[in-house]
C-alpha atoms as a PDB file:
ATOM      1  CA  MET A   1      22.070   9.864   7.296  1.00  0.00           C
ATOM      2  CA  ARG A   2      21.940  12.992   5.198  1.00  0.00           C
ATOM      3  CA  GLY A   3      23.836  16.153   6.035  1.00  0.00           C
ATOM      4  CA  GLY A   4      24.746  14.824   9.490  1.00  0.00           C
ATOM      5  CA  ARG A   5      21.182  14.026  10.514  1.00  0.00           C
ATOM      6  CA  VAL A   6      19.329  10.764  10.550  1.00  0.00           C
ATOM      7  CA  LEU A   7      16.466  10.651   8.080  1.00  0.00           C
ATOM      8  CA  GLY A   8      13.116   9.943   9.697  1.00  0.00           C
ATOM      9  CA  TYR A   9      10.412   7.578   8.670  1.00  0.00           C
ATOM     10  CA  VAL A  10       7.583   8.770   6.453  1.00  0.00           C
ATOM     11  CA  TYR A  11       4.099   7.639   7.454  1.00  0.00           C
ATOM     12  CA  VAL A  12       0.855   8.321   5.606  1.00  0.00           C
ATOM     13  CA  GLU A  13      -2.789   7.679   6.245  1.00  0.00           C
ATOM     14  CA  ALA A  14      -3.756   5.100   3.657  1.00  0.00           C
ATOM     15  CA  VAL A  15      -7.120   3.496   2.992  1.00  0.00           C
ATOM     16  CA  PHE A  16      -7.029  -0.128   1.857  1.00  0.00           C
ATOM     17  CA  TYR A  17     -10.157  -1.430   0.096  1.00  0.00           C
ATOM     18  CA  ASN A  18     -11.453  -4.811  -0.937  1.00  0.00           C
ATOM     19  CA  PRO A  19     -11.011  -4.543  -4.742  1.00  0.00           C
ATOM     20  CA  PHE A  20     -14.344  -6.209  -5.574  1.00  0.00           C
ATOM     21  CA  ASN A  21     -16.287  -3.875  -3.268  1.00  0.00           C
ATOM     22  CA  TYR A  22     -14.444  -0.871  -4.674  1.00  0.00           C
ATOM     23  CA  THR A  23     -15.251  -1.943  -8.241  1.00  0.00           C
ATOM     24  CA  GLU A  24     -18.936  -2.210  -7.323  1.00  0.00           C
ATOM     25  CA  PHE A  25     -18.755   1.344  -5.937  1.00  0.00           C
ATOM     26  CA  VAL A  26     -17.149   2.610  -9.173  1.00  0.00           C
ATOM     27  CA  GLN A  27     -19.916   0.879 -11.150  1.00  0.00           C
ATOM     28  CA  GLY A  28     -22.561   2.606  -9.011  1.00  0.00           C
ATOM     29  CA  ARG A  29     -23.802  -0.589  -7.347  1.00  0.00           C
ATOM     30  CA  HIS A  30     -23.404   0.695  -3.788  1.00  0.00           C
ATOM     31  CA  ARG A  31     -22.042   3.515  -1.668  1.00  0.00           C
ATOM     32  CA  LEU A  32     -18.361   3.884  -0.831  1.00  0.00           C
ATOM     33  CA  GLU A  33     -19.288   3.852   2.848  1.00  0.00           C
ATOM     34  CA  ASP A  34     -20.462   0.245   2.400  1.00  0.00           C
ATOM     35  CA  ASP A  35     -17.054  -0.947   1.155  1.00  0.00           C
ATOM     36  CA  ARG A  36     -14.855  -3.197   3.239  1.00  0.00           C
ATOM     37  CA  ARG A  37     -11.984  -0.863   3.967  1.00  0.00           C
ATOM     38  CA  ASN A  38      -9.412  -0.133   6.609  1.00  0.00           C
ATOM     39  CA  VAL A  39      -7.772   3.231   7.309  1.00  0.00           C
ATOM     40  CA  LEU A  40      -4.217   2.637   8.478  1.00  0.00           C
ATOM     41  CA  LYS A  41      -1.087   4.545   9.333  1.00  0.00           C
ATOM     42  CA  ALA A  42       1.341   3.043   6.802  1.00  0.00           C
ATOM     43  CA  LEU A  43       5.092   3.388   6.460  1.00  0.00           C
ATOM     44  CA  VAL A  44       6.232   4.660   3.075  1.00  0.00           C
ATOM     45  CA  ASP A  45       9.057   2.313   2.108  1.00  0.00           C
ATOM     46  CA  THR A  46      10.897   3.370  -1.045  1.00  0.00           C
ATOM     47  CA  ASP A  47      12.982   0.182  -0.838  1.00  0.00           C
ATOM     48  CA  ALA A  48       9.836  -1.946  -1.115  1.00  0.00           C
ATOM     49  CA  THR A  49       8.319  -2.757  -4.496  1.00  0.00           C
ATOM     50  CA  PHE A  50       4.829  -3.681  -3.328  1.00  0.00           C
ATOM     51  CA  PRO A  51       2.722  -2.625  -0.372  1.00  0.00           C
ATOM     52  CA  ALA A  52       2.500  -5.030   2.569  1.00  0.00           C
ATOM     53  CA  LEU A  53      -0.316  -5.672   5.031  1.00  0.00           C
ATOM     54  CA  PRO A  54      -0.573  -7.827   8.127  1.00  0.00           C
ATOM     55  CA  GLU A  55      -2.452 -11.091   7.633  1.00  0.00           C
ATOM     56  CA  ASP A  56      -5.261 -10.082  10.005  1.00  0.00           C
ATOM     57  CA  VAL A  57      -5.984  -6.937   7.944  1.00  0.00           C
ATOM     58  CA  VAL A  58      -5.978  -8.988   4.727  1.00  0.00           C
ATOM     59  CA  GLU A  59      -8.487 -11.379   6.307  1.00  0.00           C
ATOM     60  CA  LYS A  60     -10.673  -8.559   7.667  1.00  0.00           C
ATOM     61  CA  LEU A  61     -10.848  -6.952   4.220  1.00  0.00           C
ATOM     62  CA  GLY A  62     -11.447 -10.288   2.498  1.00  0.00           C
ATOM     63  CA  LEU A  63      -8.642  -9.598   0.019  1.00  0.00           C
ATOM     64  CA  PRO A  64      -8.323 -12.286  -2.645  1.00  0.00           C
ATOM     65  CA  ILE A  65      -5.058 -14.237  -2.459  1.00  0.00           C
ATOM     66  CA  HIS A  66      -3.451 -14.566  -5.907  1.00  0.00           C
ATOM     67  CA  GLY A  67      -0.835 -17.140  -4.970  1.00  0.00           C
ATOM     68  CA  GLU A  68       2.602 -17.447  -3.429  1.00  0.00           C
ATOM     69  CA  VAL A  69       5.900 -16.218  -4.869  1.00  0.00           C
ATOM     70  CA  LYS A  70       9.532 -16.093  -3.790  1.00  0.00           C
ATOM     71  CA  ALA A  71      10.521 -12.602  -2.705  1.00  0.00           C
ATOM     72  CA  GLU A  72      13.364 -10.671  -1.120  1.00  0.00           C
ATOM     73  CA  THR A  73      12.037  -9.201   2.134  1.00  0.00           C
ATOM     74  CA  ALA A  74      13.595  -7.516   5.148  1.00  0.00           C
ATOM     75  CA  MET A  75      13.818 -11.036   6.634  1.00  0.00           C
ATOM     76  CA  GLY A  76      15.706 -12.382   3.581  1.00  0.00           C
ATOM     77  CA  ARG A  77      14.444 -14.580   0.752  1.00  0.00           C
ATOM     78  CA  GLU A  78      11.149 -16.214   1.540  1.00  0.00           C
ATOM     79  CA  LYS A  79       7.886 -17.336   0.018  1.00  0.00           C
ATOM     80  CA  VAL A  80       5.129 -14.732   0.422  1.00  0.00           C
ATOM     81  CA  LYS A  81       1.432 -14.634  -0.375  1.00  0.00           C
ATOM     82  CA  LEU A  82       0.187 -11.964  -2.767  1.00  0.00           C
ATOM     83  CA  ALA A  83      -3.267 -10.465  -2.397  1.00  0.00           C
ATOM     84  CA  LEU A  84      -5.004  -7.765  -4.432  1.00  0.00           C
ATOM     85  CA  THR A  85      -6.148  -4.444  -2.971  1.00  0.00           C
ATOM     86  CA  VAL A  86      -7.075  -0.892  -3.865  1.00  0.00           C
ATOM     87  CA  ILE A  87      -5.152   1.804  -1.985  1.00  0.00           C
ATOM     88  CA  GLN A  88      -6.081   5.443  -1.488  1.00  0.00           C
ATOM     89  CA  ILE A  89      -3.717   8.156  -0.257  1.00  0.00           C
ATOM     90  CA  GLU A  90      -5.276  11.603  -0.139  1.00  0.00           C
ATOM     91  CA  ASP A  91      -7.282  11.915  -3.375  1.00  0.00           C
ATOM     92  CA  ARG A  92      -5.248   9.336  -5.331  1.00  0.00           C
ATOM     93  CA  ILE A  93      -6.158   5.684  -5.949  1.00  0.00           C
ATOM     94  CA  ALA A  94      -4.097   2.667  -7.086  1.00  0.00           C
ATOM     95  CA  ALA A  95      -4.832  -1.020  -7.539  1.00  0.00           C
ATOM     96  CA  SER A  96      -1.904  -3.173  -6.494  1.00  0.00           C
ATOM     97  CA  TYR A  97      -0.735  -6.530  -5.331  1.00  0.00           C
ATOM     98  CA  VAL A  98       0.034  -6.511  -1.626  1.00  0.00           C
ATOM     99  CA  ILE A  99       2.396  -8.826   0.229  1.00  0.00           C
ATOM    100  CA  VAL A 100       0.745 -10.613   3.138  1.00  0.00           C
ATOM    101  CA  ARG A 101       2.913 -10.284   6.264  1.00  0.00           C
ATOM    102  CA  PRO A 102       2.549 -11.739   9.770  1.00  0.00           C
ATOM    103  CA  ARG A 103      -0.051 -10.318  12.138  1.00  0.00           C
ATOM    104  CA  ALA A 104       0.857  -7.082  13.959  1.00  0.00           C
ATOM    105  CA  THR A 105       3.481  -6.020  11.390  1.00  0.00           C
ATOM    106  CA  THR A 106       3.591  -2.446  10.136  1.00  0.00           C
ATOM    107  CA  PRO A 107       1.566  -1.745   6.972  1.00  0.00           C
ATOM    108  CA  LEU A 108       3.826  -0.579   4.127  1.00  0.00           C
ATOM    109  CA  VAL A 109       3.291   1.378   0.925  1.00  0.00           C
ATOM    110  CA  GLY A 110       5.905   0.529  -1.714  1.00  0.00           C
ATOM    111  CA  VAL A 111       7.035   2.291  -4.855  1.00  0.00           C
ATOM    112  CA  VAL A 112       4.621   0.569  -7.261  1.00  0.00           C
ATOM    113  CA  ALA A 113       1.560   2.074  -5.579  1.00  0.00           C
ATOM    114  CA  LEU A 114       3.306   5.422  -5.004  1.00  0.00           C
ATOM    115  CA  GLU A 115       4.229   5.693  -8.682  1.00  0.00           C
ATOM    116  CA  GLN A 116       0.748   4.657  -9.820  1.00  0.00           C
ATOM    117  CA  MET A 117      -0.626   7.527  -7.742  1.00  0.00           C
ATOM    118  CA  GLY A 118       2.077   9.943  -8.886  1.00  0.00           C
ATOM    119  CA  PHE A 119       3.692  10.429  -5.470  1.00  0.00           C
ATOM    120  CA  ARG A 120       7.369  10.721  -4.694  1.00  0.00           C
ATOM    121  CA  VAL A 121       9.152  11.300  -1.412  1.00  0.00           C
ATOM    122  CA  ASP A 122      10.971  14.610  -0.974  1.00  0.00           C
ATOM    123  CA  PRO A 123      14.335  13.559   0.509  1.00  0.00           C
ATOM    124  CA  VAL A 124      14.758  16.910   2.312  1.00  0.00           C
ATOM    125  CA  THR A 125      11.365  17.168   4.019  1.00  0.00           C
ATOM    126  CA  GLY A 126      10.462  13.472   4.057  1.00  0.00           C
ATOM    127  CA  LYS A 127       6.978  14.310   2.812  1.00  0.00           C
ATOM    128  CA  LEU A 128       5.047  13.021  -0.170  1.00  0.00           C
ATOM    129  CA  ILE A 129       4.919  15.278  -3.216  1.00  0.00           C
ATOM    130  CA  LYS A 130       2.218  14.924  -5.859  1.00  0.00           C
ATOM    131  CA  GLY A 131       3.242  14.554  -9.453  1.00  0.00           C
ATOM    132  CA  LEU A 132       1.263  13.312 -12.392  1.00  0.00           C
ATOM    133  CA  PRO A 133      -0.289   9.903 -11.803  1.00  0.00           C
ATOM    134  CA  LEU A 134       0.344   6.969 -14.129  1.00  0.00           C
ATOM    135  CA  MET A 135       3.605   8.259 -15.552  1.00  0.00           C
ATOM    136  CA  LEU A 136       4.772   6.281 -18.580  1.00  0.00           C
END
């Protein structure tokens, strides 16, 4: 709660790409339209470090799994799979690990990707604000 009102959830339209396909696009090997990608309504979660995607989306995109790690999630401590993706919000792009979650869970965008793209959440309006990307 803030000022007597409950803060709402912040959702964004985010595009998740297969990182290998996206790299081929950047290198001029094919068109962006040919990339394996998925446009999703994702919850911006400033308590989450990494983005998270449902397992079926990870499979559809063919995201490479980089192993399993112990993590603190909303469900408590558990072992999670990490995959690699490229995320686009508006005109900003970030490469990030993504936590693989069970099917039909809500896609999340965490602070690592937001900071790479230079976004922050305005606590008053609940909207994303653009800053400078790749702040050091």
